[in-house]
PDB file of N, CA and C in Angstrom:
ATOM      1  N   MET A   1     125.974 -23.561 268.853  1.00  0.00           N
ATOM      2  CA  MET A   1     126.307 -23.163 267.528  1.00  0.00           C
ATOM      3  C   MET A   1     127.161 -24.251 266.885  1.00  0.00           C
ATOM      4  N   ARG A   2     126.861 -24.613 265.660  1.00  0.00           N
ATOM      5  CA  ARG A   2     127.619 -25.615 264.922  1.00  0.00           C
ATOM      6  C   ARG A   2     128.628 -24.910 264.034  1.00  0.00           C
ATOM      7  N   LEU A   3     129.901 -25.276 264.131  1.00  0.00           N
ATOM      8  CA  LEU A   3     130.944 -24.659 263.334  1.00  0.00           C
ATOM      9  C   LEU A   3     131.200 -25.493 262.089  1.00  0.00           C
ATOM     10  N   VAL A   4     131.173 -24.849 260.944  1.00  0.00           N
ATOM     11  CA  VAL A   4     131.397 -25.527 259.670  1.00  0.00           C
ATOM     12  C   VAL A   4     132.584 -24.868 258.990  1.00  0.00           C
ATOM     13  N   PRO A   5     133.608 -25.641 258.600  1.00  0.00           N
ATOM     14  CA  PRO A   5     134.764 -25.040 257.943  1.00  0.00           C
ATOM     15  C   PRO A   5     134.369 -24.341 256.648  1.00  0.00           C
ATOM     16  N   ALA A   6     134.998 -23.213 256.396  1.00  0.00           N
ATOM     17  CA  ALA A   6     134.754 -22.476 255.157  1.00  0.00           C
ATOM     18  C   ALA A   6     135.668 -23.012 254.068  1.00  0.00           C
ATOM     19  N   SER A   7     135.264 -22.836 252.833  1.00  0.00           N
ATOM     20  CA  SER A   7     136.094 -23.307 251.737  1.00  0.00           C
ATOM     21  C   SER A   7     137.316 -22.410 251.539  1.00  0.00           C
ATOM     22  N   THR A   8     137.183 -21.117 251.816  1.00  0.00           N
ATOM     23  CA  THR A   8     138.288 -20.185 251.670  1.00  0.00           C
ATOM     24  C   THR A   8     138.393 -19.303 252.901  1.00  0.00           C
ATOM     25  N   PRO A   9     139.096 -19.773 253.934  1.00  0.00           N
ATOM     26  CA  PRO A   9     139.201 -18.962 255.138  1.00  0.00           C
ATOM     27  C   PRO A   9     139.976 -17.677 254.867  1.00  0.00           C
ATOM     28  N   THR A  10     139.574 -16.611 255.547  1.00  0.00           N
ATOM     29  CA  THR A  10     140.294 -15.348 255.423  1.00  0.00           C
ATOM     30  C   THR A  10     140.727 -14.897 256.804  1.00  0.00           C
ATOM     31  N   THR A  11     141.771 -14.156 256.846  1.00  0.00           N
ATOM     32  CA  THR A  11     142.272 -13.641 258.107  1.00  0.00           C
ATOM     33  C   THR A  11     142.635 -12.173 257.944  1.00  0.00           C
ATOM     34  N   THR A  12     142.594 -11.425 259.007  1.00  0.00           N
ATOM     35  CA  THR A  12     142.904 -10.003 258.927  1.00  0.00           C
ATOM     36  C   THR A  12     144.128  -9.662 259.772  1.00  0.00           C
ATOM     37  N   PHE A  13     144.919 -10.664 260.139  1.00  0.00           N
ATOM     38  CA  PHE A  13     146.093 -10.429 260.962  1.00  0.00           C
ATOM     39  C   PHE A  13     147.173 -11.430 260.595  1.00  0.00           C
ATOM     40  N   PRO A  14     148.448 -11.122 260.916  1.00  0.00           N
ATOM     41  CA  PRO A  14     149.550 -11.975 260.502  1.00  0.00           C
ATOM     42  C   PRO A  14     149.699 -13.277 261.272  1.00  0.00           C
ATOM     43  N   GLY A  15     149.265 -13.346 262.520  1.00  0.00           N
ATOM     44  CA  GLY A  15     149.417 -14.566 263.295  1.00  0.00           C
ATOM     45  C   GLY A  15     148.669 -14.483 264.602  1.00  0.00           C
ATOM     46  N   GLY A  16     148.380 -15.651 265.152  1.00  0.00           N
ATOM     47  CA  GLY A  16     147.586 -15.706 266.371  1.00  0.00           C
ATOM     48  C   GLY A  16     148.254 -15.102 267.584  1.00  0.00           C
ATOM     49  N   SER A  17     149.579 -15.245 267.690  1.00  0.00           N
ATOM     50  CA  SER A  17     150.256 -14.748 268.890  1.00  0.00           C
ATOM     51  C   SER A  17     150.138 -13.236 269.023  1.00  0.00           C
ATOM     52  N   SER A  18     149.969 -12.532 267.910  1.00  0.00           N
ATOM     53  CA  SER A  18     149.834 -11.073 267.986  1.00  0.00           C
ATOM     54  C   SER A  18     148.483 -10.652 268.549  1.00  0.00           C
ATOM     55  N   LEU A  19     147.546 -11.601 268.659  1.00  0.00           N
ATOM     56  CA  LEU A  19     146.208 -11.290 269.159  1.00  0.00           C
ATOM     57  C   LEU A  19     145.999 -11.625 270.629  1.00  0.00           C
ATOM     58  N   LEU A  20     146.936 -12.297 271.260  1.00  0.00           N
ATOM     59  CA  LEU A  20     146.752 -12.717 272.648  1.00  0.00           C
ATOM     60  C   LEU A  20     146.453 -11.517 273.545  1.00  0.00           C
ATOM     61  N   GLY A  21     145.338 -11.600 274.271  1.00  0.00           N
ATOM     62  CA  GLY A  21     144.929 -10.532 275.168  1.00  0.00           C
ATOM     63  C   GLY A  21     144.238  -9.364 274.492  1.00  0.00           C
ATOM     64  N   LYS A  22     144.122  -9.400 273.176  1.00  0.00           N
ATOM     65  CA  LYS A  22     143.519  -8.294 272.425  1.00  0.00           C
ATOM     66  C   LYS A  22     142.010  -8.465 272.294  1.00  0.00           C
ATOM     67  N   LYS A  23     141.324  -7.332 272.193  1.00  0.00           N
ATOM     68  CA  LYS A  23     139.882  -7.328 271.951  1.00  0.00           C
ATOM     69  C   LYS A  23     139.653  -7.504 270.448  1.00  0.00           C
ATOM     70  N   VAL A  24     138.775  -8.450 270.080  1.00  0.00           N
ATOM     71  CA  VAL A  24     138.486  -8.720 268.673  1.00  0.00           C
ATOM     72  C   VAL A  24     136.984  -8.816 268.440  1.00  0.00           C
ATOM     73  N   GLU A  25     136.614  -8.633 267.198  1.00  0.00           N
ATOM     74  CA  GLU A  25     135.228  -8.835 266.766  1.00  0.00           C
ATOM     75  C   GLU A  25     135.224 -10.050 265.861  1.00  0.00           C
ATOM     76  N   ILE A  26     134.275 -10.957 266.084  1.00  0.00           N
ATOM     77  CA  ILE A  26     134.130 -12.153 265.267  1.00  0.00           C
ATOM     78  C   ILE A  26     132.936 -11.950 264.343  1.00  0.00           C
ATOM     79  N   GLN A  27     133.169 -12.115 263.041  1.00  0.00           N
ATOM     80  CA  GLN A  27     132.097 -11.972 262.057  1.00  0.00           C
ATOM     81  C   GLN A  27     131.987 -13.236 261.220  1.00  0.00           C
ATOM     82  N   ARG A  28     130.791 -13.471 260.722  1.00  0.00           N
ATOM     83  CA  ARG A  28     130.553 -14.543 259.745  1.00  0.00           C
ATOM     84  C   ARG A  28     129.512 -14.012 258.779  1.00  0.00           C
ATOM     85  N   GLN A  29     129.839 -14.047 257.512  1.00  0.00           N
ATOM     86  CA  GLN A  29     128.960 -13.560 256.450  1.00  0.00           C
ATOM     87  C   GLN A  29     128.495 -12.131 256.734  1.00  0.00           C
ATOM     88  N   GLY A  30     129.411 -11.295 257.229  1.00  0.00           N
ATOM     89  CA  GLY A  30     129.125  -9.889 257.471  1.00  0.00           C
ATOM     90  C   GLY A  30     128.361  -9.573 258.741  1.00  0.00           C
ATOM     91  N   LYS A  31     128.003 -10.587 259.518  1.00  0.00           N
ATOM     92  CA  LYS A  31     127.259 -10.364 260.762  1.00  0.00           C
ATOM     93  C   LYS A  31     128.175 -10.579 261.962  1.00  0.00           C
ATOM     94  N   VAL A  32     128.055  -9.692 262.934  1.00  0.00           N
ATOM     95  CA  VAL A  32     128.859  -9.809 264.153  1.00  0.00           C
ATOM     96  C   VAL A  32     128.283 -10.922 265.019  1.00  0.00           C
ATOM     97  N   LEU A  33     129.144 -11.891 265.359  1.00  0.00           N
ATOM     98  CA  LEU A  33     128.728 -12.992 266.232  1.00  0.00           C
ATOM     99  C   LEU A  33     129.073 -12.706 267.685  1.00  0.00           C
ATOM    100  N   ARG A  34     130.226 -12.071 267.878  1.00  0.00           N
ATOM    101  CA  ARG A  34     130.692 -11.862 269.248  1.00  0.00           C
ATOM    102  C   ARG A  34     131.850 -10.877 269.260  1.00  0.00           C
ATOM    103  N   VAL A  35     132.004 -10.206 270.381  1.00  0.00           N
ATOM    104  CA  VAL A  35     133.165  -9.356 270.646  1.00  0.00           C
ATOM    105  C   VAL A  35     133.759  -9.863 271.947  1.00  0.00           C
ATOM    106  N   GLY A  36     135.076 -10.040 271.986  1.00  0.00           N
ATOM    107  CA  GLY A  36     135.697 -10.538 273.201  1.00  0.00           C
ATOM    108  C   GLY A  36     137.207 -10.469 273.136  1.00  0.00           C
ATOM    109  N   TYR A  37     137.844 -11.025 274.169  1.00  0.00           N
ATOM    110  CA  TYR A  37     139.295 -11.000 274.285  1.00  0.00           C
ATOM    111  C   TYR A  37     139.876 -12.375 273.969  1.00  0.00           C
ATOM    112  N   VAL A  38     140.963 -12.390 273.204  1.00  0.00           N
ATOM    113  CA  VAL A  38     141.613 -13.635 272.795  1.00  0.00           C
ATOM    114  C   VAL A  38     142.400 -14.195 273.973  1.00  0.00           C
ATOM    115  N   GLU A  39     142.043 -15.419 274.353  1.00  0.00           N
ATOM    116  CA  GLU A  39     142.722 -16.109 275.454  1.00  0.00           C
ATOM    117  C   GLU A  39     143.895 -16.927 274.935  1.00  0.00           C
ATOM    118  N   SER A  40     143.710 -17.597 273.800  1.00  0.00           N
ATOM    119  CA  SER A  40     144.788 -18.359 273.179  1.00  0.00           C
ATOM    120  C   SER A  40     144.507 -18.471 271.689  1.00  0.00           C
ATOM    121  N   ALA A  41     145.554 -18.850 270.946  1.00  0.00           N
ATOM    122  CA  ALA A  41     145.425 -18.939 269.492  1.00  0.00           C
ATOM    123  C   ALA A  41     146.487 -19.875 268.942  1.00  0.00           C
ATOM    124  N   THR A  42     146.208 -20.437 267.782  1.00  0.00           N
ATOM    125  CA  THR A  42     147.222 -21.229 267.098  1.00  0.00           C
ATOM    126  C   THR A  42     148.258 -20.262 266.522  1.00  0.00           C
ATOM    127  N   PRO A  43     149.487 -20.721 266.301  1.00  0.00           N
ATOM    128  CA  PRO A  43     150.517 -19.831 265.750  1.00  0.00           C
ATOM    129  C   PRO A  43     150.112 -19.186 264.420  1.00  0.00           C
ATOM    130  N   SER A  44     149.359 -19.900 263.608  1.00  0.00           N
ATOM    131  CA  SER A  44     148.940 -19.368 262.304  1.00  0.00           C
ATOM    132  C   SER A  44     147.799 -18.372 262.420  1.00  0.00           C
ATOM    133  N   GLY A  45     147.090 -18.390 263.549  1.00  0.00           N
ATOM    134  CA  GLY A  45     145.936 -17.521 263.724  1.00  0.00           C
ATOM    135  C   GLY A  45     144.662 -18.062 263.104  1.00  0.00           C
ATOM    136  N   GLU A  46     144.691 -19.291 262.614  1.00  0.00           N
ATOM    137  CA  GLU A  46     143.503 -19.891 261.996  1.00  0.00           C
ATOM    138  C   GLU A  46     142.431 -20.241 263.014  1.00  0.00           C
ATOM    139  N   VAL A  47     142.835 -20.399 264.279  1.00  0.00           N
ATOM    140  CA  VAL A  47     141.887 -20.713 265.351  1.00  0.00           C
ATOM    141  C   VAL A  47     142.241 -19.860 266.567  1.00  0.00           C
ATOM    142  N   VAL A  48     141.237 -19.182 267.135  1.00  0.00           N
ATOM    143  CA  VAL A  48     141.432 -18.406 268.360  1.00  0.00           C
ATOM    144  C   VAL A  48     140.374 -18.816 269.376  1.00  0.00           C
ATOM    145  N   TRP A  49     140.744 -18.772 270.649  1.00  0.00           N
ATOM    146  CA  TRP A  49     139.804 -19.015 271.742  1.00  0.00           C
ATOM    147  C   TRP A  49     139.501 -17.674 272.383  1.00  0.00           C
ATOM    148  N   LEU A  50     138.224 -17.320 272.484  1.00  0.00           N
ATOM    149  CA  LEU A  50     137.836 -16.119 273.217  1.00  0.00           C
ATOM    150  C   LEU A  50     137.547 -16.514 274.653  1.00  0.00           C
ATOM    151  N   GLU A  51     137.984 -15.688 275.596  1.00  0.00           N
ATOM    152  CA  GLU A  51     137.766 -15.995 277.009  1.00  0.00           C
ATOM    153  C   GLU A  51     136.290 -15.849 277.367  1.00  0.00           C
ATOM    154  N   ALA A  52     135.902 -16.549 278.411  1.00  0.00           N
ATOM    155  CA  ALA A  52     134.531 -16.448 278.916  1.00  0.00           C
ATOM    156  C   ALA A  52     134.301 -15.037 279.442  1.00  0.00           C
ATOM    157  N   SER A  53     133.071 -14.545 279.260  1.00  0.00           N
ATOM    158  CA  SER A  53     132.727 -13.208 279.730  1.00  0.00           C
ATOM    159  C   SER A  53     131.225 -13.147 279.966  1.00  0.00           C
ATOM    160  N   GLY A  54     130.828 -12.822 281.199  1.00  0.00           N
ATOM    161  CA  GLY A  54     129.401 -12.784 281.516  1.00  0.00           C
ATOM    162  C   GLY A  54     128.767 -14.147 281.288  1.00  0.00           C
ATOM    163  N   ILE A  55     127.706 -14.183 280.490  1.00  0.00           N
ATOM    164  CA  ILE A  55     127.044 -15.463 280.210  1.00  0.00           C
ATOM    165  C   ILE A  55     127.668 -16.198 279.023  1.00  0.00           C
ATOM    166  N   GLU A  56     128.595 -15.535 278.318  1.00  0.00           N
ATOM    167  CA  GLU A  56     129.269 -16.160 277.174  1.00  0.00           C
ATOM    168  C   GLU A  56     130.363 -17.101 277.676  1.00  0.00           C
ATOM    169  N   GLN A  57     130.337 -18.331 277.211  1.00  0.00           N
ATOM    170  CA  GLN A  57     131.365 -19.296 277.585  1.00  0.00           C
ATOM    171  C   GLN A  57     132.596 -19.115 276.707  1.00  0.00           C
ATOM    172  N   ARG A  58     133.695 -19.686 277.146  1.00  0.00           N
ATOM    173  CA  ARG A  58     134.908 -19.717 276.333  1.00  0.00           C
ATOM    174  C   ARG A  58     134.537 -20.401 275.020  1.00  0.00           C
ATOM    175  N   ALA A  59     134.983 -19.849 273.900  1.00  0.00           N
ATOM    176  CA  ALA A  59     134.574 -20.408 272.613  1.00  0.00           C
ATOM    177  C   ALA A  59     135.682 -20.270 271.573  1.00  0.00           C
ATOM    178  N   MET A  60     135.651 -21.186 270.599  1.00  0.00           N
ATOM    179  CA  MET A  60     136.641 -21.239 269.536  1.00  0.00           C
ATOM    180  C   MET A  60     136.053 -20.657 268.252  1.00  0.00           C
ATOM    181  N   TYR A  61     136.821 -19.777 267.612  1.00  0.00           N
ATOM    182  CA  TYR A  61     136.434 -19.149 266.352  1.00  0.00           C
ATOM    183  C   TYR A  61     137.660 -19.069 265.461  1.00  0.00           C
ATOM    184  N   GLY A  62     137.483 -18.613 264.255  1.00  0.00           N
ATOM    185  CA  GLY A  62     138.629 -18.333 263.397  1.00  0.00           C
ATOM    186  C   GLY A  62     138.354 -18.589 261.938  1.00  0.00           C
ATOM    187  N   PRO A  63     139.277 -18.146 261.102  1.00  0.00           N
ATOM    188  CA  PRO A  63     139.148 -18.352 259.671  1.00  0.00           C
ATOM    189  C   PRO A  63     138.992 -19.823 259.284  1.00  0.00           C
ATOM    190  N   ALA A  64     139.552 -20.729 260.076  1.00  0.00           N
ATOM    191  CA  ALA A  64     139.411 -22.158 259.786  1.00  0.00           C
ATOM    192  C   ALA A  64     137.952 -22.601 259.821  1.00  0.00           C
ATOM    193  N   PHE A  65     137.094 -21.815 260.488  1.00  0.00           N
ATOM    194  CA  PHE A  65     135.670 -22.135 260.607  1.00  0.00           C
ATOM    195  C   PHE A  65     134.792 -21.166 259.816  1.00  0.00           C
ATOM    196  N   GLY A  66     135.414 -20.349 258.977  1.00  0.00           N
ATOM    197  CA  GLY A  66     134.646 -19.402 258.176  1.00  0.00           C
ATOM    198  C   GLY A  66     134.376 -18.077 258.849  1.00  0.00           C
ATOM    199  N   HIS A  67     135.060 -17.814 259.958  1.00  0.00           N
ATOM    200  CA  HIS A  67     134.876 -16.555 260.680  1.00  0.00           C
ATOM    201  C   HIS A  67     135.944 -15.549 260.268  1.00  0.00           C
ATOM    202  N   ARG A  68     135.598 -14.304 260.390  1.00  0.00           N
ATOM    203  CA  ARG A  68     136.558 -13.225 260.204  1.00  0.00           C
ATOM    204  C   ARG A  68     136.876 -12.688 261.591  1.00  0.00           C
ATOM    205  N   VAL A  69     138.154 -12.585 261.912  1.00  0.00           N
ATOM    206  CA  VAL A  69     138.599 -12.095 263.214  1.00  0.00           C
ATOM    207  C   VAL A  69     139.194 -10.705 263.000  1.00  0.00           C
ATOM    208  N   ILE A  70     138.561  -9.701 263.601  1.00  0.00           N
ATOM    209  CA  ILE A  70     138.972  -8.316 263.378  1.00  0.00           C
ATOM    210  C   ILE A  70     139.456  -7.711 264.696  1.00  0.00           C
ATOM    211  N   PRO A  71     140.742  -7.357 264.781  1.00  0.00           N
ATOM    212  CA  PRO A  71     141.248  -6.711 265.998  1.00  0.00           C
ATOM    213  C   PRO A  71     140.577  -5.354 266.205  1.00  0.00           C
ATOM    214  N   LEU A  72     140.237  -5.047 267.451  1.00  0.00           N
ATOM    215  CA  LEU A  72     139.627  -3.766 267.812  1.00  0.00           C
ATOM    216  C   LEU A  72     140.543  -3.028 268.768  1.00  0.00           C
ATOM    217  N   SER A  73     140.415  -1.709 268.818  1.00  0.00           N
ATOM    218  CA  SER A  73     141.159  -0.962 269.832  1.00  0.00           C
ATOM    219  C   SER A  73     140.349  -0.964 271.117  1.00  0.00           C
ATOM    220  N   ASP A  74     141.045  -1.012 272.240  1.00  0.00           N
ATOM    221  CA  ASP A  74     140.371  -1.075 273.546  1.00  0.00           C
ATOM    222  C   ASP A  74     139.668   0.172 273.879  1.00  0.00           C
TER     223      ASP A  74
END
């Protein structure tokens, strides 16, 4: 997948540290790309790393790339 920065990134949380270990849904243009657990994040929350799970590799997402990161309840 090629990541392209969005012109107007949006975020649904106050900062990346509040998401560590949390289950999140990653969306782009209203479509769900992935659901997973946040392994690490920048302090601003503009970039998050989802941990590897099953066949999904560790991957970087976030508003800086045009993704919407939505916290989910476990």
